[in-house]
N, C-alpha and C. Protein backbone atom coordinates (compact mmCIF):
# COMPACT_ATOMS: atom_id res chain seq x y z
N MET A 1 132.28 133.41 98.04
CA MET A 1 131.77 134.26 99.10
C MET A 1 132.95 134.79 99.91
N THR A 2 132.87 136.03 100.36
CA THR A 2 133.87 136.64 101.20
C THR A 2 133.83 135.98 102.57
N THR A 3 134.96 135.48 103.02
CA THR A 3 135.06 134.95 104.38
C THR A 3 135.71 136.01 105.24
N ILE A 4 135.04 136.37 106.29
CA ILE A 4 135.55 137.44 107.14
C ILE A 4 136.70 136.92 108.00
N ASP A 5 137.74 137.71 108.08
CA ASP A 5 138.86 137.42 108.97
C ASP A 5 138.54 138.13 110.29
N LEU A 6 138.22 137.36 111.31
CA LEU A 6 137.82 137.94 112.59
C LEU A 6 138.95 138.72 113.25
N ASP A 7 140.18 138.50 112.82
CA ASP A 7 141.32 139.18 113.42
C ASP A 7 141.73 140.42 112.62
N ARG A 8 140.86 140.85 111.76
CA ARG A 8 141.05 142.06 110.95
C ARG A 8 140.03 143.11 111.38
N ALA A 9 140.33 144.37 111.14
CA ALA A 9 139.40 145.46 111.45
C ALA A 9 138.37 145.61 110.33
N TRP A 10 137.10 145.70 110.70
CA TRP A 10 135.99 145.85 109.75
C TRP A 10 135.13 147.02 110.18
N ASP A 11 134.40 147.58 109.22
CA ASP A 11 133.48 148.69 109.49
C ASP A 11 132.17 148.45 108.76
N LEU A 12 131.15 149.07 109.24
CA LEU A 12 129.90 149.13 108.50
C LEU A 12 130.16 150.00 107.27
N HIS A 13 129.69 149.58 106.11
CA HIS A 13 129.89 150.37 104.89
C HIS A 13 129.28 151.75 105.11
N PRO A 14 129.94 152.82 104.65
CA PRO A 14 129.42 154.18 104.88
C PRO A 14 128.05 154.44 104.25
N GLN A 15 127.66 153.62 103.27
CA GLN A 15 126.37 153.79 102.62
C GLN A 15 125.28 152.91 103.24
N VAL A 16 125.57 152.31 104.40
CA VAL A 16 124.60 151.42 105.05
C VAL A 16 123.97 152.13 106.24
N SER A 17 122.67 152.03 106.30
CA SER A 17 121.90 152.58 107.41
C SER A 17 121.38 151.42 108.26
N VAL A 18 121.47 151.59 109.57
CA VAL A 18 120.99 150.57 110.51
C VAL A 18 119.75 151.11 111.21
N ARG A 19 118.68 150.31 111.14
CA ARG A 19 117.44 150.69 111.82
C ARG A 19 117.09 149.60 112.83
N PRO A 20 117.33 149.87 114.12
CA PRO A 20 116.99 148.88 115.13
C PRO A 20 115.49 148.59 115.13
N GLU A 21 115.16 147.34 115.33
CA GLU A 21 113.78 146.86 115.38
C GLU A 21 113.65 145.93 116.59
N PRO A 22 112.43 145.65 117.03
CA PRO A 22 112.25 144.73 118.17
C PRO A 22 112.88 143.36 117.94
N PHE A 23 112.93 142.90 116.70
CA PHE A 23 113.48 141.58 116.39
C PHE A 23 114.98 141.61 116.19
N GLY A 24 115.58 142.78 116.07
CA GLY A 24 117.01 142.93 115.77
C GLY A 24 117.25 144.23 115.04
N ALA A 25 117.37 144.16 113.70
CA ALA A 25 117.59 145.38 112.92
C ALA A 25 117.42 145.13 111.44
N LEU A 26 117.21 146.23 110.73
CA LEU A 26 117.23 146.25 109.28
C LEU A 26 118.48 147.01 108.86
N LEU A 27 119.21 146.46 107.91
CA LEU A 27 120.35 147.15 107.32
C LEU A 27 120.00 147.43 105.87
N TYR A 28 120.14 148.69 105.47
CA TYR A 28 119.84 149.06 104.08
C TYR A 28 121.07 149.70 103.47
N HIS A 29 121.47 149.17 102.32
CA HIS A 29 122.63 149.70 101.59
C HIS A 29 122.10 150.63 100.50
N PHE A 30 122.34 151.92 100.64
CA PHE A 30 121.81 152.90 99.70
C PHE A 30 122.39 152.77 98.30
N GLU A 31 123.62 152.30 98.19
CA GLU A 31 124.26 152.17 96.89
C GLU A 31 123.74 150.95 96.11
N THR A 32 123.67 149.81 96.79
CA THR A 32 123.25 148.58 96.12
C THR A 32 121.76 148.30 96.25
N ARG A 33 121.10 149.03 97.14
CA ARG A 33 119.68 148.87 97.45
C ARG A 33 119.35 147.51 98.07
N LYS A 34 120.35 146.89 98.66
CA LYS A 34 120.14 145.62 99.34
C LYS A 34 119.65 145.86 100.75
N LEU A 35 118.84 144.94 101.22
CA LEU A 35 118.29 144.99 102.56
C LEU A 35 118.67 143.70 103.28
N SER A 36 119.16 143.83 104.49
CA SER A 36 119.49 142.66 105.31
C SER A 36 118.77 142.76 106.63
N PHE A 37 118.36 141.63 107.14
CA PHE A 37 117.69 141.55 108.43
C PHE A 37 118.64 140.91 109.43
N LEU A 38 118.82 141.55 110.56
CA LEU A 38 119.59 140.95 111.64
C LEU A 38 118.58 140.53 112.69
N LYS A 39 118.51 139.24 112.94
CA LYS A 39 117.52 138.72 113.89
C LYS A 39 118.15 138.36 115.22
N ASP A 40 119.33 138.87 115.47
CA ASP A 40 120.06 138.55 116.69
C ASP A 40 120.60 139.86 117.27
N ARG A 41 120.20 140.18 118.48
CA ARG A 41 120.60 141.45 119.09
C ARG A 41 122.12 141.52 119.33
N ARG A 42 122.73 140.39 119.63
CA ARG A 42 124.18 140.41 119.85
C ARG A 42 124.92 140.65 118.54
N LEU A 43 124.40 140.11 117.44
CA LEU A 43 125.01 140.40 116.14
C LEU A 43 124.87 141.88 115.83
N LEU A 44 123.72 142.45 116.11
CA LEU A 44 123.52 143.89 115.91
C LEU A 44 124.52 144.68 116.74
N THR A 45 124.69 144.32 117.99
CA THR A 45 125.65 145.02 118.85
C THR A 45 127.06 144.90 118.30
N ALA A 46 127.42 143.71 117.82
CA ALA A 46 128.75 143.52 117.23
C ALA A 46 128.93 144.38 115.99
N VAL A 47 127.94 144.40 115.11
CA VAL A 47 128.02 145.20 113.89
C VAL A 47 128.14 146.68 114.23
N GLN A 48 127.36 147.13 115.21
CA GLN A 48 127.41 148.54 115.59
C GLN A 48 128.73 148.92 116.25
N SER A 49 129.43 147.96 116.84
CA SER A 49 130.68 148.28 117.52
C SER A 49 131.92 148.02 116.66
N LEU A 50 131.74 147.58 115.42
CA LEU A 50 132.89 147.31 114.55
C LEU A 50 133.82 148.52 114.42
N ALA A 51 133.24 149.70 114.26
CA ALA A 51 134.06 150.90 114.03
C ALA A 51 134.96 151.23 115.21
N ASP A 52 134.54 150.86 116.41
CA ASP A 52 135.31 151.18 117.61
C ASP A 52 136.22 150.05 118.07
N ALA A 53 136.10 148.90 117.44
CA ALA A 53 136.88 147.73 117.86
C ALA A 53 138.10 147.55 116.95
N PRO A 54 139.19 147.05 117.51
CA PRO A 54 140.39 146.84 116.69
C PRO A 54 140.23 145.68 115.70
N THR A 55 139.34 144.73 116.02
CA THR A 55 139.10 143.58 115.15
C THR A 55 137.63 143.18 115.26
N ALA A 56 137.18 142.38 114.29
CA ALA A 56 135.82 141.85 114.36
C ALA A 56 135.67 140.93 115.56
N ARG A 57 136.72 140.19 115.88
CA ARG A 57 136.70 139.31 117.06
C ARG A 57 136.44 140.14 118.33
N ALA A 58 137.14 141.25 118.47
CA ALA A 58 136.97 142.12 119.63
C ALA A 58 135.55 142.68 119.69
N ALA A 59 134.99 143.04 118.53
CA ALA A 59 133.62 143.55 118.49
C ALA A 59 132.64 142.47 118.94
N CYS A 60 132.87 141.25 118.50
CA CYS A 60 132.00 140.14 118.90
C CYS A 60 132.10 139.87 120.39
N LEU A 61 133.32 139.80 120.89
CA LEU A 61 133.51 139.52 122.31
C LEU A 61 132.89 140.61 123.18
N SER A 62 133.02 141.87 122.75
CA SER A 62 132.43 142.97 123.53
C SER A 62 130.91 142.95 123.47
N ALA A 63 130.35 142.27 122.46
CA ALA A 63 128.89 142.15 122.33
C ALA A 63 128.35 140.97 123.13
N GLY A 64 129.25 140.27 123.85
CA GLY A 64 128.82 139.15 124.66
C GLY A 64 128.80 137.82 123.93
N ILE A 65 129.45 137.77 122.78
CA ILE A 65 129.53 136.54 122.00
C ILE A 65 130.75 135.77 122.49
N GLY A 66 130.54 134.55 122.93
CA GLY A 66 131.63 133.74 123.46
C GLY A 66 132.50 133.14 122.38
N GLU A 67 133.69 132.74 122.76
CA GLU A 67 134.64 132.13 121.82
C GLU A 67 134.03 130.94 121.08
N VAL A 68 133.24 130.12 121.78
CA VAL A 68 132.66 128.93 121.16
C VAL A 68 131.61 129.32 120.09
N GLU A 69 131.03 130.50 120.22
CA GLU A 69 130.01 130.97 119.27
C GLU A 69 130.61 131.73 118.08
N LEU A 70 131.88 132.07 118.16
CA LEU A 70 132.50 132.89 117.12
C LEU A 70 132.38 132.33 115.70
N PRO A 71 132.52 131.02 115.49
CA PRO A 71 132.38 130.53 114.11
C PRO A 71 131.01 130.86 113.49
N ARG A 72 129.95 130.71 114.28
CA ARG A 72 128.60 131.00 113.77
C ARG A 72 128.45 132.49 113.47
N TYR A 73 128.92 133.33 114.37
CA TYR A 73 128.81 134.77 114.14
C TYR A 73 129.77 135.23 113.04
N GLY A 74 130.90 134.56 112.91
CA GLY A 74 131.81 134.84 111.80
C GLY A 74 131.15 134.56 110.46
N ARG A 75 130.38 133.48 110.40
CA ARG A 75 129.64 133.17 109.14
C ARG A 75 128.60 134.25 108.87
N ALA A 76 127.92 134.72 109.90
CA ALA A 76 126.93 135.78 109.71
C ALA A 76 127.61 137.06 109.22
N LEU A 77 128.76 137.39 109.80
CA LEU A 77 129.50 138.57 109.34
C LEU A 77 130.02 138.38 107.92
N SER A 78 130.37 137.15 107.57
CA SER A 78 130.81 136.87 106.20
C SER A 78 129.70 137.13 105.20
N VAL A 79 128.48 136.78 105.55
CA VAL A 79 127.33 137.07 104.68
C VAL A 79 127.18 138.58 104.51
N LEU A 80 127.34 139.32 105.60
CA LEU A 80 127.24 140.78 105.52
C LEU A 80 128.39 141.36 104.69
N ALA A 81 129.57 140.77 104.79
CA ALA A 81 130.71 141.23 103.97
C ALA A 81 130.46 140.92 102.50
N HIS A 82 129.91 139.75 102.22
CA HIS A 82 129.62 139.35 100.83
C HIS A 82 128.63 140.32 100.18
N SER A 83 127.69 140.84 100.96
CA SER A 83 126.71 141.78 100.42
C SER A 83 127.14 143.23 100.60
N SER A 84 128.41 143.44 100.98
CA SER A 84 129.01 144.78 101.15
C SER A 84 128.37 145.61 102.24
N MET A 85 127.71 144.97 103.18
CA MET A 85 127.16 145.69 104.33
C MET A 85 128.29 146.09 105.29
N VAL A 86 129.28 145.20 105.42
CA VAL A 86 130.48 145.51 106.18
C VAL A 86 131.66 145.38 105.24
N VAL A 87 132.65 146.22 105.47
CA VAL A 87 133.84 146.25 104.61
C VAL A 87 135.09 146.28 105.48
N GLY A 88 136.17 145.75 104.96
CA GLY A 88 137.44 145.77 105.67
C GLY A 88 137.91 147.20 105.86
N ARG A 89 138.42 147.48 107.04
CA ARG A 89 138.94 148.81 107.32
C ARG A 89 140.30 148.95 106.65
N THR A 90 140.50 150.04 105.96
CA THR A 90 141.73 150.24 105.20
C THR A 90 142.80 150.99 105.98
N SER A 91 142.40 151.73 106.99
CA SER A 91 143.42 152.49 107.74
C SER A 91 143.38 152.17 109.21
């Protein structure tokens, strides 16, 4: 499984659509046809802010995720990276 490096820049895959829902969000990958459910609003906020943040850690912190919670959210982001919902930023 891909382990996300929180100190690296990540982005939502360009083929992923985010649909906010009352419970969190649905992420749909048009290329792989995979569907992911985000049941945590702070995780959704972090995922949506990845493109504007210098690192995944910064995106998490700006979403109100505390340092003590980062390992749990890092695992959630790793699952999203493993399913290609988020990808490492190349530039």
